[in-house]
Amino acid sequence: MNNEIAAPSGNAQPISPAGHFAMRFSSTPRGARLARRLAGQRLDAWGIPYDCDAHHALTLIVGELAANAVRHGRVPGRDFHLALVCGATTVRIEVTDSRTEGVPAVATSTDLRDTGRGLLLVEQLADRWDWHPRRDGPGKTVWAQYGLPTGYRPTAAPSCPSSTSTTVAL
């Protein structure tokens, strides 16, 4: 079995100053992992390098929101959608699923369960987060905004090439 997948092309459209990335993923743990990996690659391409605190925080936020979409927002046969928008001072992450019931809620820090603290991490890392009903069908979008450190400016990046494919090891 080949552990590499060709990255889809043509979904990224640059905006000022750094970019926009949007893609659908299967509502499986593997889809959530792939969303986090591709988000990390896109952040690095935008000039937010792998070894900085902002990159670590942003990929953790993507990972938690994607995992929640898979665990709590999954509808059989429906994908979840990830969108990243990188502006001059902030990065916005949006994860949309197809399940309408269930409002995202933060667990308390005194909760002794082994799971359920994903949004608590998001709340601590992001400057703001919230959710709203999905605009184009059933479901909801959970979003988070992360402010880039003062003086930090991501670089402009070209859109994903449409004529070549990139492989991503899983």
N, C-alpha and C. Protein backbone atom coordinates (compact mmCIF):
# COMPACT_ATOMS: atom_id res chain seq x y z
N MET A 1 0.84 -1.18 0.00
CA MET A 1 0.00 0.00 0.00
C MET A 1 0.88 1.24 0.00
N ASN A 2 0.55 2.17 -0.83
CA ASN A 2 1.30 3.41 -0.93
C ASN A 2 0.82 4.38 0.14
N ASN A 3 1.73 4.94 0.91
CA ASN A 3 1.38 5.87 1.98
C ASN A 3 1.45 7.31 1.54
N GLU A 4 1.39 7.57 0.24
CA GLU A 4 1.44 8.94 -0.25
C GLU A 4 0.16 9.24 -1.02
N ILE A 5 -0.29 10.47 -0.91
CA ILE A 5 -1.49 10.92 -1.61
C ILE A 5 -1.14 12.17 -2.38
N ALA A 6 -1.60 12.24 -3.61
CA ALA A 6 -1.37 13.45 -4.39
C ALA A 6 -2.29 14.55 -3.88
N ALA A 7 -1.71 15.71 -3.62
CA ALA A 7 -2.51 16.83 -3.14
C ALA A 7 -3.35 17.38 -4.28
N PRO A 8 -4.64 17.62 -4.04
CA PRO A 8 -5.49 18.20 -5.07
C PRO A 8 -4.96 19.58 -5.45
N SER A 9 -5.24 19.96 -6.67
CA SER A 9 -4.73 21.24 -7.13
C SER A 9 -5.86 22.21 -7.40
N GLY A 10 -5.51 23.50 -7.40
CA GLY A 10 -6.42 24.52 -7.84
C GLY A 10 -7.32 25.13 -6.79
N ASN A 11 -7.29 24.72 -5.53
CA ASN A 11 -8.19 25.28 -4.53
C ASN A 11 -7.66 26.53 -3.86
N ALA A 12 -6.39 26.79 -3.92
CA ALA A 12 -5.84 27.95 -3.21
C ALA A 12 -5.86 29.18 -4.11
N GLN A 13 -6.34 30.28 -3.59
CA GLN A 13 -6.37 31.54 -4.30
C GLN A 13 -5.68 32.58 -3.44
N PRO A 14 -4.62 33.22 -3.94
CA PRO A 14 -3.93 34.20 -3.12
C PRO A 14 -4.78 35.45 -2.90
N ILE A 15 -4.71 36.00 -1.69
CA ILE A 15 -5.30 37.30 -1.39
C ILE A 15 -4.24 38.10 -0.68
N SER A 16 -4.43 39.35 -0.53
CA SER A 16 -3.43 40.20 0.09
C SER A 16 -3.42 39.99 1.60
N PRO A 17 -2.25 39.90 2.23
CA PRO A 17 -0.95 39.80 1.62
C PRO A 17 -0.49 38.37 1.42
N ALA A 18 -1.04 37.39 2.16
CA ALA A 18 -0.47 36.05 2.06
C ALA A 18 -1.36 35.08 1.32
N GLY A 19 -2.56 34.77 1.79
CA GLY A 19 -3.32 33.83 1.01
C GLY A 19 -4.56 33.26 1.64
N HIS A 20 -5.17 32.40 0.85
CA HIS A 20 -6.39 31.70 1.22
C HIS A 20 -6.22 30.25 0.77
N PHE A 21 -6.63 29.34 1.62
CA PHE A 21 -6.57 27.91 1.32
C PHE A 21 -7.90 27.30 1.74
N ALA A 22 -8.50 26.50 0.89
CA ALA A 22 -9.75 25.83 1.23
C ALA A 22 -9.77 24.45 0.59
N MET A 23 -10.23 23.45 1.36
CA MET A 23 -10.28 22.08 0.85
C MET A 23 -11.26 21.26 1.67
N ARG A 24 -11.84 20.26 1.04
CA ARG A 24 -12.72 19.31 1.72
C ARG A 24 -11.91 18.08 2.08
N PHE A 25 -12.25 17.48 3.22
CA PHE A 25 -11.57 16.28 3.70
C PHE A 25 -12.61 15.26 4.14
N SER A 26 -12.26 13.98 4.05
CA SER A 26 -13.17 12.94 4.52
C SER A 26 -13.33 13.05 6.03
N SER A 27 -14.52 12.79 6.50
CA SER A 27 -14.81 12.89 7.95
C SER A 27 -14.33 11.63 8.66
N THR A 28 -13.02 11.46 8.64
CA THR A 28 -12.35 10.33 9.28
C THR A 28 -11.14 10.85 10.03
N PRO A 29 -10.59 10.07 10.96
CA PRO A 29 -9.35 10.51 11.61
C PRO A 29 -8.23 10.77 10.61
N ARG A 30 -8.17 9.99 9.54
CA ARG A 30 -7.15 10.21 8.52
C ARG A 30 -7.36 11.56 7.82
N GLY A 31 -8.63 11.92 7.57
CA GLY A 31 -8.93 13.22 6.98
C GLY A 31 -8.51 14.36 7.88
N ALA A 32 -8.73 14.20 9.20
CA ALA A 32 -8.33 15.24 10.16
C ALA A 32 -6.81 15.39 10.18
N ARG A 33 -6.08 14.27 10.15
CA ARG A 33 -4.61 14.34 10.12
C ARG A 33 -4.12 15.03 8.85
N LEU A 34 -4.73 14.67 7.72
CA LEU A 34 -4.32 15.28 6.46
C LEU A 34 -4.61 16.78 6.45
N ALA A 35 -5.73 17.19 7.02
CA ALA A 35 -6.06 18.62 7.10
C ALA A 35 -4.99 19.36 7.89
N ARG A 36 -4.58 18.78 9.01
CA ARG A 36 -3.54 19.42 9.83
C ARG A 36 -2.21 19.49 9.07
N ARG A 37 -1.84 18.42 8.39
CA ARG A 37 -0.57 18.40 7.65
C ARG A 37 -0.56 19.41 6.52
N LEU A 38 -1.64 19.45 5.74
CA LEU A 38 -1.70 20.39 4.62
C LEU A 38 -1.77 21.83 5.11
N ALA A 39 -2.46 22.07 6.22
CA ALA A 39 -2.48 23.41 6.80
C ALA A 39 -1.07 23.82 7.21
N GLY A 40 -0.32 22.90 7.81
CA GLY A 40 1.06 23.19 8.19
C GLY A 40 1.92 23.52 7.00
N GLN A 41 1.76 22.78 5.91
CA GLN A 41 2.52 23.07 4.70
C GLN A 41 2.16 24.44 4.12
N ARG A 42 0.87 24.75 4.13
CA ARG A 42 0.43 26.03 3.59
C ARG A 42 0.96 27.18 4.45
N LEU A 43 0.91 27.03 5.77
CA LEU A 43 1.44 28.08 6.66
C LEU A 43 2.92 28.31 6.40
N ASP A 44 3.68 27.23 6.23
CA ASP A 44 5.10 27.35 5.94
C ASP A 44 5.32 28.07 4.61
N ALA A 45 4.52 27.74 3.60
CA ALA A 45 4.64 28.39 2.30
C ALA A 45 4.31 29.88 2.40
N TRP A 46 3.45 30.25 3.33
CA TRP A 46 3.09 31.66 3.53
C TRP A 46 4.11 32.40 4.38
N GLY A 47 5.14 31.72 4.83
CA GLY A 47 6.18 32.39 5.62
C GLY A 47 6.01 32.26 7.11
N ILE A 48 5.15 31.35 7.55
CA ILE A 48 5.02 31.04 8.98
C ILE A 48 5.71 29.68 9.16
N PRO A 49 7.01 29.69 9.46
CA PRO A 49 7.82 28.47 9.40
C PRO A 49 7.45 27.43 10.45
N TYR A 50 7.78 26.19 10.14
CA TYR A 50 7.47 25.05 11.00
C TYR A 50 7.98 25.21 12.43
N ASP A 51 9.10 25.85 12.62
CA ASP A 51 9.72 25.88 13.95
C ASP A 51 9.35 27.09 14.79
N CYS A 52 8.28 27.81 14.46
CA CYS A 52 7.92 28.97 15.28
C CYS A 52 6.66 28.68 16.09
N ASP A 53 6.48 29.45 17.17
CA ASP A 53 5.33 29.27 18.05
C ASP A 53 4.00 29.47 17.33
N ALA A 54 3.94 30.44 16.41
CA ALA A 54 2.70 30.70 15.68
C ALA A 54 2.31 29.48 14.86
N HIS A 55 3.26 28.84 14.20
CA HIS A 55 2.98 27.64 13.40
C HIS A 55 2.46 26.52 14.29
N HIS A 56 3.11 26.31 15.42
CA HIS A 56 2.67 25.25 16.34
C HIS A 56 1.26 25.50 16.83
N ALA A 57 0.96 26.74 17.22
CA ALA A 57 -0.38 27.07 17.72
C ALA A 57 -1.43 26.90 16.62
N LEU A 58 -1.14 27.40 15.44
CA LEU A 58 -2.11 27.32 14.35
C LEU A 58 -2.39 25.88 13.93
N THR A 59 -1.36 25.05 13.83
CA THR A 59 -1.60 23.66 13.45
C THR A 59 -2.34 22.91 14.55
N LEU A 60 -2.10 23.26 15.80
CA LEU A 60 -2.85 22.64 16.89
C LEU A 60 -4.33 23.04 16.82
N ILE A 61 -4.60 24.30 16.53
CA ILE A 61 -5.99 24.75 16.39
C ILE A 61 -6.66 24.02 15.23
N VAL A 62 -6.00 23.93 14.09
CA VAL A 62 -6.55 23.20 12.95
C VAL A 62 -6.82 21.75 13.33
N GLY A 63 -5.86 21.12 13.99
CA GLY A 63 -6.01 19.73 14.40
C GLY A 63 -7.20 19.51 15.32
N GLU A 64 -7.37 20.40 16.30
CA GLU A 64 -8.49 20.26 17.24
C GLU A 64 -9.84 20.48 16.57
N LEU A 65 -9.93 21.51 15.72
CA LEU A 65 -11.20 21.78 15.05
C LEU A 65 -11.54 20.68 14.05
N ALA A 66 -10.54 20.16 13.36
CA ALA A 66 -10.77 19.05 12.41
C ALA A 66 -11.18 17.79 13.16
N ALA A 67 -10.51 17.50 14.27
CA ALA A 67 -10.87 16.31 15.06
C ALA A 67 -12.29 16.43 15.60
N ASN A 68 -12.69 17.63 16.02
CA ASN A 68 -14.07 17.83 16.49
C ASN A 68 -15.07 17.64 15.36
N ALA A 69 -14.73 18.10 14.16
CA ALA A 69 -15.63 17.92 13.02
C ALA A 69 -15.82 16.43 12.72
N VAL A 70 -14.76 15.66 12.86
CA VAL A 70 -14.83 14.22 12.61
C VAL A 70 -15.58 13.51 13.73
N ARG A 71 -15.29 13.87 14.95
CA ARG A 71 -15.88 13.16 16.10
C ARG A 71 -17.32 13.59 16.39
N HIS A 72 -17.59 14.88 16.34
CA HIS A 72 -18.90 15.39 16.76
C HIS A 72 -19.77 15.88 15.61
N GLY A 73 -19.18 16.17 14.46
CA GLY A 73 -19.94 16.74 13.35
C GLY A 73 -20.09 15.82 12.16
N ARG A 74 -19.67 14.59 12.31
CA ARG A 74 -19.68 13.65 11.19
C ARG A 74 -21.09 13.21 10.84
N VAL A 75 -21.38 13.27 9.55
CA VAL A 75 -22.57 12.67 8.97
C VAL A 75 -22.05 11.68 7.93
N PRO A 76 -22.44 10.40 8.02
CA PRO A 76 -21.93 9.41 7.07
C PRO A 76 -22.08 9.87 5.62
N GLY A 77 -20.99 9.76 4.88
CA GLY A 77 -20.99 10.14 3.48
C GLY A 77 -20.75 11.62 3.22
N ARG A 78 -20.57 12.42 4.27
CA ARG A 78 -20.34 13.86 4.11
C ARG A 78 -18.94 14.21 4.59
N ASP A 79 -18.31 15.13 3.89
CA ASP A 79 -16.97 15.59 4.24
C ASP A 79 -17.05 16.81 5.16
N PHE A 80 -15.90 17.20 5.70
CA PHE A 80 -15.81 18.49 6.38
C PHE A 80 -14.94 19.40 5.53
N HIS A 81 -15.06 20.69 5.74
CA HIS A 81 -14.37 21.68 4.93
C HIS A 81 -13.47 22.52 5.82
N LEU A 82 -12.23 22.71 5.38
CA LEU A 82 -11.26 23.54 6.08
C LEU A 82 -10.94 24.75 5.22
N ALA A 83 -10.94 25.93 5.82
CA ALA A 83 -10.52 27.15 5.14
C ALA A 83 -9.54 27.89 6.03
N LEU A 84 -8.45 28.36 5.44
CA LEU A 84 -7.46 29.19 6.12
C LEU A 84 -7.38 30.51 5.35
N VAL A 85 -7.41 31.61 6.08
CA VAL A 85 -7.23 32.92 5.47
C VAL A 85 -6.13 33.62 6.25
N CYS A 86 -5.06 33.95 5.57
CA CYS A 86 -3.92 34.61 6.21
C CYS A 86 -3.89 36.06 5.77
N GLY A 87 -4.09 36.95 6.73
CA GLY A 87 -4.03 38.38 6.46
C GLY A 87 -2.73 38.97 6.97
N ALA A 88 -2.67 40.28 7.01
CA ALA A 88 -1.46 40.96 7.43
C ALA A 88 -1.14 40.74 8.90
N THR A 89 -2.18 40.60 9.74
CA THR A 89 -1.93 40.48 11.18
C THR A 89 -2.59 39.26 11.81
N THR A 90 -3.46 38.57 11.10
CA THR A 90 -4.17 37.43 11.68
C THR A 90 -4.29 36.28 10.70
N VAL A 91 -4.50 35.11 11.26
CA VAL A 91 -4.86 33.94 10.47
C VAL A 91 -6.21 33.47 10.99
N ARG A 92 -7.13 33.25 10.08
CA ARG A 92 -8.46 32.76 10.44
C ARG A 92 -8.61 31.33 9.95
N ILE A 93 -9.09 30.48 10.82
CA ILE A 93 -9.31 29.06 10.52
C ILE A 93 -10.81 28.80 10.62
N GLU A 94 -11.37 28.17 9.61
CA GLU A 94 -12.78 27.78 9.63
C GLU A 94 -12.89 26.31 9.29
N VAL A 95 -13.65 25.58 10.11
CA VAL A 95 -13.92 24.17 9.85
C VAL A 95 -15.44 24.00 9.83
N THR A 96 -15.96 23.50 8.73
CA THR A 96 -17.40 23.35 8.54
C THR A 96 -17.74 21.87 8.44
N ASP A 97 -18.75 21.45 9.21
CA ASP A 97 -19.23 20.07 9.14
C ASP A 97 -20.69 20.06 8.73
N SER A 98 -21.30 18.89 8.65
CA SER A 98 -22.67 18.75 8.15
C SER A 98 -23.71 18.47 9.22
N ARG A 99 -23.30 18.38 10.46
CA ARG A 99 -24.25 18.05 11.53
C ARG A 99 -24.82 19.33 12.12
N THR A 100 -26.16 19.40 12.19
CA THR A 100 -26.80 20.61 12.70
C THR A 100 -26.99 20.60 14.20
N GLU A 101 -27.21 19.44 14.79
CA GLU A 101 -27.42 19.39 16.24
C GLU A 101 -26.08 19.45 16.97
N GLY A 102 -26.12 19.87 18.19
CA GLY A 102 -24.90 19.95 19.00
C GLY A 102 -24.20 21.28 18.84
N VAL A 103 -24.18 22.05 19.89
CA VAL A 103 -23.50 23.34 19.90
C VAL A 103 -22.12 23.15 20.48
N PRO A 104 -21.08 23.65 19.81
CA PRO A 104 -19.73 23.52 20.37
C PRO A 104 -19.65 24.18 21.74
N ALA A 105 -19.07 23.47 22.69
CA ALA A 105 -18.95 24.00 24.05
C ALA A 105 -17.58 23.64 24.62
N VAL A 106 -17.07 24.53 25.43
CA VAL A 106 -15.76 24.34 26.06
C VAL A 106 -15.94 23.55 27.35
N ALA A 107 -15.14 22.51 27.53
CA ALA A 107 -15.13 21.76 28.79
C ALA A 107 -14.47 22.62 29.86
N THR A 108 -14.82 22.38 31.08
CA THR A 108 -14.18 23.11 32.17
C THR A 108 -12.79 22.52 32.42
N SER A 109 -11.91 23.33 32.95
CA SER A 109 -10.55 22.86 33.21
C SER A 109 -10.52 21.85 34.36
N THR A 110 -11.61 21.72 35.11
CA THR A 110 -11.65 20.75 36.20
C THR A 110 -12.29 19.43 35.77
N ASP A 111 -12.71 19.34 34.52
CA ASP A 111 -13.31 18.12 34.01
C ASP A 111 -12.24 17.02 33.99
N LEU A 112 -12.53 15.87 34.57
CA LEU A 112 -11.54 14.82 34.72
C LEU A 112 -11.57 13.77 33.61
N ARG A 113 -12.41 13.95 32.59
CA ARG A 113 -12.43 12.99 31.49
C ARG A 113 -11.13 13.08 30.70
N ASP A 114 -10.81 12.00 29.99
CA ASP A 114 -9.59 11.97 29.18
C ASP A 114 -9.75 12.73 27.86
N THR A 115 -10.98 12.97 27.44
CA THR A 115 -11.23 13.67 26.18
C THR A 115 -12.12 14.87 26.45
N GLY A 116 -12.34 15.67 25.40
CA GLY A 116 -13.26 16.78 25.51
C GLY A 116 -12.64 18.12 25.83
N ARG A 117 -11.32 18.23 25.72
CA ARG A 117 -10.67 19.50 26.04
C ARG A 117 -10.16 20.25 24.81
N GLY A 118 -10.55 19.80 23.62
CA GLY A 118 -10.07 20.43 22.39
C GLY A 118 -10.40 21.90 22.29
N LEU A 119 -11.65 22.25 22.56
CA LEU A 119 -12.03 23.66 22.47
C LEU A 119 -11.44 24.49 23.60
N LEU A 120 -11.10 23.85 24.71
CA LEU A 120 -10.39 24.55 25.78
C LEU A 120 -9.01 24.97 25.28
N LEU A 121 -8.34 24.09 24.54
CA LEU A 121 -7.05 24.44 23.93
C LEU A 121 -7.22 25.56 22.90
N VAL A 122 -8.24 25.43 22.07
CA VAL A 122 -8.49 26.47 21.07
C VAL A 122 -8.75 27.81 21.74
N GLU A 123 -9.55 27.80 22.80
CA GLU A 123 -9.85 29.04 23.53
C GLU A 123 -8.58 29.67 24.10
N GLN A 124 -7.65 28.86 24.56
CA GLN A 124 -6.41 29.39 25.14
C GLN A 124 -5.43 29.89 24.09
N LEU A 125 -5.41 29.26 22.92
CA LEU A 125 -4.44 29.63 21.88
C LEU A 125 -4.94 30.74 20.96
N ALA A 126 -6.21 30.73 20.63
CA ALA A 126 -6.76 31.69 19.68
C ALA A 126 -7.12 33.00 20.39
N ASP A 127 -7.10 34.08 19.63
CA ASP A 127 -7.54 35.36 20.17
C ASP A 127 -9.06 35.38 20.31
N ARG A 128 -9.73 34.77 19.36
CA ARG A 128 -11.20 34.68 19.37
C ARG A 128 -11.61 33.38 18.69
N TRP A 129 -12.74 32.85 19.09
CA TRP A 129 -13.32 31.72 18.39
C TRP A 129 -14.83 31.76 18.61
N ASP A 130 -15.55 31.15 17.71
CA ASP A 130 -17.00 31.08 17.83
C ASP A 130 -17.50 30.09 16.78
N TRP A 131 -18.79 30.03 16.61
CA TRP A 131 -19.38 29.18 15.60
C TRP A 131 -20.64 29.85 15.07
N HIS A 132 -21.08 29.42 13.88
CA HIS A 132 -22.33 29.91 13.31
C HIS A 132 -22.90 28.80 12.43
N PRO A 133 -24.21 28.84 12.19
CA PRO A 133 -24.79 27.85 11.29
C PRO A 133 -24.16 27.95 9.90
N ARG A 134 -24.04 26.81 9.25
CA ARG A 134 -23.48 26.76 7.90
C ARG A 134 -24.35 27.58 6.96
N ARG A 135 -23.72 28.36 6.10
CA ARG A 135 -24.45 29.25 5.21
C ARG A 135 -25.10 28.53 4.03
N ASP A 136 -24.48 27.48 3.54
CA ASP A 136 -24.94 26.85 2.30
C ASP A 136 -25.50 25.44 2.50
N GLY A 137 -26.09 25.17 3.63
CA GLY A 137 -26.69 23.86 3.86
C GLY A 137 -26.71 23.53 5.33
N PRO A 138 -27.07 22.29 5.64
CA PRO A 138 -27.10 21.90 7.05
C PRO A 138 -25.70 21.83 7.64
N GLY A 139 -25.59 22.12 8.90
CA GLY A 139 -24.31 22.02 9.58
C GLY A 139 -23.91 23.31 10.25
N LYS A 140 -22.63 23.38 10.63
CA LYS A 140 -22.12 24.54 11.35
C LYS A 140 -20.67 24.77 10.97
N THR A 141 -20.22 25.99 11.19
CA THR A 141 -18.83 26.36 10.98
C THR A 141 -18.27 26.84 12.31
N VAL A 142 -17.18 26.23 12.73
CA VAL A 142 -16.46 26.68 13.92
C VAL A 142 -15.22 27.40 13.41
N TRP A 143 -14.99 28.60 13.91
CA TRP A 143 -13.86 29.38 13.44
C TRP A 143 -13.03 29.88 14.61
N ALA A 144 -11.77 30.18 14.30
CA ALA A 144 -10.85 30.74 15.28
C ALA A 144 -9.95 31.74 14.58
N GLN A 145 -9.60 32.80 15.28
CA GLN A 145 -8.66 33.78 14.77
C GLN A 145 -7.43 33.81 15.66
N TYR A 146 -6.28 33.81 15.01
CA TYR A 146 -5.01 33.84 15.73
C TYR A 146 -4.25 35.08 15.27
N GLY A 147 -3.91 35.95 16.21
CA GLY A 147 -3.15 37.15 15.89
C GLY A 147 -1.67 36.83 15.78
N LEU A 148 -1.08 37.23 14.67
CA LEU A 148 0.36 37.01 14.48
C LEU A 148 1.13 37.98 15.37
N PRO A 149 2.30 37.57 15.84
CA PRO A 149 3.09 38.44 16.71
C PRO A 149 3.38 39.79 16.06
N THR A 150 3.50 40.83 16.87
CA THR A 150 3.77 42.18 16.39
C THR A 150 5.04 42.19 15.56
N GLY A 151 4.96 42.86 14.44
CA GLY A 151 6.13 42.95 13.57
C GLY A 151 6.30 41.76 12.65
N TYR A 152 5.50 40.73 12.81
CA TYR A 152 5.59 39.53 11.98
C TYR A 152 4.73 39.74 10.74
N ARG A 153 5.28 39.54 9.58
CA ARG A 153 4.53 39.69 8.34
C ARG A 153 4.75 38.46 7.47
N PRO A 154 3.67 37.71 7.23
CA PRO A 154 3.81 36.57 6.32
C PRO A 154 4.11 37.07 4.91
N THR A 155 4.74 36.22 4.13
CA THR A 155 5.08 36.58 2.76
C THR A 155 3.96 36.18 1.82
N ALA A 156 3.88 36.86 0.71
CA ALA A 156 2.89 36.49 -0.31
C ALA A 156 3.33 35.19 -0.94
N ALA A 157 2.40 34.33 -1.20
CA ALA A 157 2.71 33.03 -1.79
C ALA A 157 1.85 32.82 -3.02
N PRO A 158 2.39 32.18 -4.04
CA PRO A 158 1.59 31.89 -5.21
C PRO A 158 0.55 30.83 -4.89
N SER A 159 -0.46 30.75 -5.71
CA SER A 159 -1.47 29.72 -5.52
C SER A 159 -0.87 28.37 -5.82
N CYS A 160 -1.56 27.32 -5.39
CA CYS A 160 -1.10 25.96 -5.67
C CYS A 160 -1.03 25.78 -7.18
N PRO A 161 0.04 25.16 -7.67
CA PRO A 161 0.13 24.96 -9.12
C PRO A 161 -0.96 23.98 -9.57
N SER A 162 -1.60 24.31 -10.67
CA SER A 162 -2.68 23.45 -11.16
C SER A 162 -2.18 22.38 -12.11
N SER A 163 -0.97 22.52 -12.63
CA SER A 163 -0.49 21.55 -13.59
C SER A 163 0.42 20.49 -12.96
N THR A 164 0.86 20.69 -11.74
CA THR A 164 1.70 19.69 -11.09
C THR A 164 1.06 19.24 -9.81
N SER A 165 1.38 18.05 -9.38
CA SER A 165 0.84 17.56 -8.12
C SER A 165 1.97 17.37 -7.12
N THR A 166 1.64 17.55 -5.89
CA THR A 166 2.59 17.38 -4.80
C THR A 166 2.18 16.18 -3.99
N THR A 167 3.13 15.39 -3.52
CA THR A 167 2.77 14.24 -2.70
C THR A 167 2.98 14.58 -1.24
N VAL A 168 2.09 14.06 -0.44
CA VAL A 168 2.16 14.28 0.99
C VAL A 168 2.20 12.91 1.66
N ALA A 169 3.27 12.61 2.37
CA ALA A 169 3.38 11.34 3.08
C ALA A 169 2.49 11.36 4.31
N LEU A 170 1.74 10.30 4.52
CA LEU A 170 0.85 10.23 5.69
C LEU A 170 1.49 9.47 6.81
